[in-house]
Amino acid sequence: MLKALVSYVFPILFLVMGIVTFAAYGIDKRAAKKGQRRVPEKTLWLMNICGGFVGGWLGMFTFNHKTRHASFYVVQAFSLILWVLLWSILWVKGLNS
Protein backbone atom coordinates (compact mmCIF):
# COMPACT_ATOMS: atom_id res chain seq x y z
CA MET A 1 0.00 0.00 0.00
CA LEU A 2 2.75 2.45 0.96
CA LYS A 3 4.78 1.49 -2.11
CA ALA A 4 1.84 2.38 -4.35
CA LEU A 5 1.38 5.68 -2.54
CA VAL A 6 5.03 6.60 -2.87
CA SER A 7 5.51 5.19 -6.36
CA TYR A 8 2.32 6.31 -8.09
CA VAL A 9 0.12 8.66 -6.06
CA PHE A 10 2.79 11.17 -5.00
CA PRO A 11 4.26 11.64 -8.48
CA ILE A 12 0.78 12.17 -9.94
CA LEU A 13 -0.06 14.58 -7.12
CA PHE A 14 3.15 16.53 -7.72
CA LEU A 15 2.54 16.65 -11.46
CA VAL A 16 -1.06 17.82 -11.20
CA MET A 17 -0.44 20.29 -8.37
CA GLY A 18 2.70 21.54 -10.10
CA ILE A 19 0.80 22.33 -13.28
CA VAL A 20 -2.06 23.96 -11.38
CA THR A 21 0.32 26.02 -9.24
CA PHE A 22 2.40 27.08 -12.25
CA ALA A 23 -0.78 28.19 -14.02
CA ALA A 24 -1.93 30.09 -10.92
CA TYR A 25 1.33 32.05 -10.85
CA GLY A 26 0.87 32.92 -14.52
CA ILE A 27 -2.74 33.94 -14.01
CA ASP A 28 -1.81 36.06 -11.00
CA LYS A 29 1.02 37.77 -12.88
CA ARG A 30 -1.28 38.60 -15.80
CA ALA A 31 -3.92 39.91 -13.40
CA ALA A 32 -1.30 42.05 -11.65
CA LYS A 33 -0.24 43.61 -14.95
CA LYS A 34 -3.85 44.35 -15.94
CA GLY A 35 -4.92 45.62 -12.50
CA GLN A 36 -7.50 42.85 -12.19
CA ARG A 37 -8.51 40.67 -9.27
CA ARG A 38 -5.53 38.66 -8.00
CA VAL A 39 -4.99 35.17 -6.67
CA PRO A 40 -4.59 35.57 -2.89
CA GLU A 41 -1.08 34.93 -1.59
CA LYS A 42 -2.45 32.41 0.92
CA THR A 43 -3.92 30.42 -1.98
CA LEU A 44 -0.54 30.31 -3.72
CA TRP A 45 1.12 29.26 -0.45
CA LEU A 46 -1.48 26.51 0.08
CA MET A 47 -0.94 25.22 -3.46
CA ASN A 48 2.79 24.98 -2.76
CA ILE A 49 2.24 23.14 0.52
CA CYS A 50 -0.22 20.73 -1.11
CA GLY A 51 2.47 19.48 -3.48
CA GLY A 52 2.78 22.23 -6.07
CA PHE A 53 6.18 23.50 -4.94
CA VAL A 54 7.90 22.59 -8.22
CA GLY A 55 5.29 24.51 -10.20
CA GLY A 56 5.65 27.33 -7.68
CA TRP A 57 9.41 27.58 -8.20
CA LEU A 58 9.01 27.39 -11.97
CA GLY A 59 6.19 29.94 -11.92
CA MET A 60 8.17 32.36 -9.81
CA PHE A 61 11.10 32.44 -12.18
CA THR A 62 9.31 31.91 -15.49
CA PHE A 63 6.92 34.79 -14.86
CA ASN A 64 9.33 36.73 -12.63
CA HIS A 65 6.52 36.81 -10.11
CA LYS A 66 6.72 37.01 -6.32
CA THR A 67 10.52 36.84 -6.50
CA ARG A 68 10.87 39.82 -4.15
CA HIS A 69 8.68 38.26 -1.47
CA ALA A 70 10.78 36.36 1.08
CA SER A 71 7.65 34.60 2.33
CA PHE A 72 7.34 32.72 -0.95
CA TYR A 73 10.90 31.42 -0.72
CA VAL A 74 10.24 30.31 2.86
CA VAL A 75 6.93 28.59 2.07
CA GLN A 76 8.33 26.85 -1.00
CA ALA A 77 11.48 25.70 0.79
CA PHE A 78 9.35 24.48 3.72
CA SER A 79 7.08 22.61 1.30
CA LEU A 80 10.01 20.97 -0.45
CA ILE A 81 11.57 19.84 2.83
CA LEU A 82 8.21 18.64 4.18
CA TRP A 83 7.44 16.54 1.10
CA VAL A 84 10.96 15.11 0.83
CA LEU A 85 10.81 14.05 4.49
CA LEU A 86 7.32 12.57 4.15
CA TRP A 87 8.20 10.78 0.93
CA SER A 88 11.42 9.42 2.46
CA ILE A 89 9.69 8.17 5.61
CA LEU A 90 6.95 6.45 3.62
CA TRP A 91 9.47 5.01 1.15
CA VAL A 92 11.52 3.45 3.95
CA LYS A 93 8.39 2.11 5.70
CA GLY A 94 7.16 0.71 2.37
CA LEU A 95 10.45 -1.05 1.78
CA ASN A 96 10.38 -2.57 5.25
CA SER A 97 6.82 -3.89 5.04
C-alpha atoms as a PDB file:
ATOM      1  CA  MET A   1       0.000   0.000   0.000  1.00  0.00           C
ATOM      2  CA  LEU A   2       2.745   2.446   0.962  1.00  0.00           C
ATOM      3  CA  LYS A   3       4.778   1.488  -2.107  1.00  0.00           C
ATOM      4  CA  ALA A   4       1.844   2.384  -4.351  1.00  0.00           C
ATOM      5  CA  LEU A   5       1.378   5.682  -2.536  1.00  0.00           C
ATOM      6  CA  VAL A   6       5.028   6.605  -2.870  1.00  0.00           C
ATOM      7  CA  SER A   7       5.509   5.193  -6.361  1.00  0.00           C
ATOM      8  CA  TYR A   8       2.316   6.313  -8.085  1.00  0.00           C
ATOM      9  CA  VAL A   9       0.123   8.659  -6.058  1.00  0.00           C
ATOM     10  CA  PHE A  10       2.787  11.170  -5.000  1.00  0.00           C
ATOM     11  CA  PRO A  11       4.256  11.637  -8.484  1.00  0.00           C
ATOM     12  CA  ILE A  12       0.780  12.167  -9.942  1.00  0.00           C
ATOM     13  CA  LEU A  13      -0.060  14.583  -7.117  1.00  0.00           C
ATOM     14  CA  PHE A  14       3.152  16.534  -7.722  1.00  0.00           C
ATOM     15  CA  LEU A  15       2.545  16.650 -11.463  1.00  0.00           C
ATOM     16  CA  VAL A  16      -1.059  17.825 -11.202  1.00  0.00           C
ATOM     17  CA  MET A  17      -0.438  20.288  -8.371  1.00  0.00           C
ATOM     18  CA  GLY A  18       2.704  21.538 -10.098  1.00  0.00           C
ATOM     19  CA  ILE A  19       0.796  22.326 -13.284  1.00  0.00           C
ATOM     20  CA  VAL A  20      -2.061  23.962 -11.378  1.00  0.00           C
ATOM     21  CA  THR A  21       0.322  26.019  -9.244  1.00  0.00           C
ATOM     22  CA  PHE A  22       2.403  27.083 -12.248  1.00  0.00           C
ATOM     23  CA  ALA A  23      -0.781  28.189 -14.018  1.00  0.00           C
ATOM     24  CA  ALA A  24      -1.930  30.086 -10.919  1.00  0.00           C
ATOM     25  CA  TYR A  25       1.326  32.054 -10.847  1.00  0.00           C
ATOM     26  CA  GLY A  26       0.874  32.916 -14.525  1.00  0.00           C
ATOM     27  CA  ILE A  27      -2.742  33.941 -14.008  1.00  0.00           C
ATOM     28  CA  ASP A  28      -1.814  36.061 -11.001  1.00  0.00           C
ATOM     29  CA  LYS A  29       1.022  37.767 -12.885  1.00  0.00           C
ATOM     30  CA  ARG A  30      -1.280  38.597 -15.797  1.00  0.00           C
ATOM     31  CA  ALA A  31      -3.923  39.914 -13.402  1.00  0.00           C
ATOM     32  CA  ALA A  32      -1.295  42.046 -11.653  1.00  0.00           C
ATOM     33  CA  LYS A  33      -0.241  43.612 -14.954  1.00  0.00           C
ATOM     34  CA  LYS A  34      -3.852  44.352 -15.935  1.00  0.00           C
ATOM     35  CA  GLY A  35      -4.918  45.621 -12.505  1.00  0.00           C
ATOM     36  CA  GLN A  36      -7.497  42.849 -12.186  1.00  0.00           C
ATOM     37  CA  ARG A  37      -8.507  40.672  -9.268  1.00  0.00           C
ATOM     38  CA  ARG A  38      -5.526  38.661  -8.002  1.00  0.00           C
ATOM     39  CA  VAL A  39      -4.987  35.172  -6.674  1.00  0.00           C
ATOM     40  CA  PRO A  40      -4.591  35.565  -2.890  1.00  0.00           C
ATOM     41  CA  GLU A  41      -1.083  34.930  -1.589  1.00  0.00           C
ATOM     42  CA  LYS A  42      -2.446  32.411   0.917  1.00  0.00           C
ATOM     43  CA  THR A  43      -3.917  30.420  -1.978  1.00  0.00           C
ATOM     44  CA  LEU A  44      -0.537  30.308  -3.724  1.00  0.00           C
ATOM     45  CA  TRP A  45       1.115  29.256  -0.451  1.00  0.00           C
ATOM     46  CA  LEU A  46      -1.476  26.507   0.082  1.00  0.00           C
ATOM     47  CA  MET A  47      -0.939  25.217  -3.460  1.00  0.00           C
ATOM     48  CA  ASN A  48       2.794  24.975  -2.757  1.00  0.00           C
ATOM     49  CA  ILE A  49       2.236  23.142   0.521  1.00  0.00           C
ATOM     50  CA  CYS A  50      -0.223  20.735  -1.108  1.00  0.00           C
ATOM     51  CA  GLY A  51       2.468  19.483  -3.485  1.00  0.00           C
ATOM     52  CA  GLY A  52       2.778  22.230  -6.069  1.00  0.00           C
ATOM     53  CA  PHE A  53       6.176  23.501  -4.936  1.00  0.00           C
ATOM     54  CA  VAL A  54       7.901  22.585  -8.219  1.00  0.00           C
ATOM     55  CA  GLY A  55       5.293  24.511 -10.198  1.00  0.00           C
ATOM     56  CA  GLY A  56       5.647  27.332  -7.682  1.00  0.00           C
ATOM     57  CA  TRP A  57       9.406  27.581  -8.202  1.00  0.00           C
ATOM     58  CA  LEU A  58       9.015  27.388 -11.972  1.00  0.00           C
ATOM     59  CA  GLY A  59       6.188  29.937 -11.919  1.00  0.00           C
ATOM     60  CA  MET A  60       8.171  32.364  -9.807  1.00  0.00           C
ATOM     61  CA  PHE A  61      11.100  32.439 -12.181  1.00  0.00           C
ATOM     62  CA  THR A  62       9.311  31.905 -15.489  1.00  0.00           C
ATOM     63  CA  PHE A  63       6.916  34.791 -14.862  1.00  0.00           C
ATOM     64  CA  ASN A  64       9.328  36.728 -12.627  1.00  0.00           C
ATOM     65  CA  HIS A  65       6.519  36.810 -10.114  1.00  0.00           C
ATOM     66  CA  LYS A  66       6.721  37.005  -6.319  1.00  0.00           C
ATOM     67  CA  THR A  67      10.521  36.843  -6.504  1.00  0.00           C
ATOM     68  CA  ARG A  68      10.866  39.817  -4.154  1.00  0.00           C
ATOM     69  CA  HIS A  69       8.675  38.256  -1.467  1.00  0.00           C
ATOM     70  CA  ALA A  70      10.776  36.365   1.078  1.00  0.00           C
ATOM     71  CA  SER A  71       7.651  34.599   2.335  1.00  0.00           C
ATOM     72  CA  PHE A  72       7.338  32.722  -0.953  1.00  0.00           C
ATOM     73  CA  TYR A  73      10.897  31.424  -0.718  1.00  0.00           C
ATOM     74  CA  VAL A  74      10.241  30.311   2.859  1.00  0.00           C
ATOM     75  CA  VAL A  75       6.931  28.589   2.068  1.00  0.00           C
ATOM     76  CA  GLN A  76       8.332  26.848  -1.002  1.00  0.00           C
ATOM     77  CA  ALA A  77      11.483  25.703   0.790  1.00  0.00           C
ATOM     78  CA  PHE A  78       9.355  24.483   3.716  1.00  0.00           C
ATOM     79  CA  SER A  79       7.082  22.609   1.298  1.00  0.00           C
ATOM     80  CA  LEU A  80      10.006  20.974  -0.449  1.00  0.00           C
ATOM     81  CA  ILE A  81      11.566  19.839   2.833  1.00  0.00           C
ATOM     82  CA  LEU A  82       8.205  18.641   4.178  1.00  0.00           C
ATOM     83  CA  TRP A  83       7.443  16.535   1.104  1.00  0.00           C
ATOM     84  CA  VAL A  84      10.961  15.106   0.833  1.00  0.00           C
ATOM     85  CA  LEU A  85      10.812  14.048   4.493  1.00  0.00           C
ATOM     86  CA  LEU A  86       7.320  12.573   4.151  1.00  0.00           C
ATOM     87  CA  TRP A  87       8.202  10.779   0.931  1.00  0.00           C
ATOM     88  CA  SER A  88      11.423   9.416   2.458  1.00  0.00           C
ATOM     89  CA  ILE A  89       9.694   8.166   5.610  1.00  0.00           C
ATOM     90  CA  LEU A  90       6.947   6.453   3.622  1.00  0.00           C
ATOM     91  CA  TRP A  91       9.472   5.010   1.150  1.00  0.00           C
ATOM     92  CA  VAL A  92      11.522   3.452   3.951  1.00  0.00           C
ATOM     93  CA  LYS A  93       8.392   2.115   5.696  1.00  0.00           C
ATOM     94  CA  GLY A  94       7.159   0.715   2.371  1.00  0.00           C
ATOM     95  CA  LEU A  95      10.447  -1.054   1.779  1.00  0.00           C
ATOM     96  CA  ASN A  96      10.377  -2.570   5.252  1.00  0.00           C
ATOM     97  CA  SER A  97       6.816  -3.893   5.044  1.00  0.00           C
END
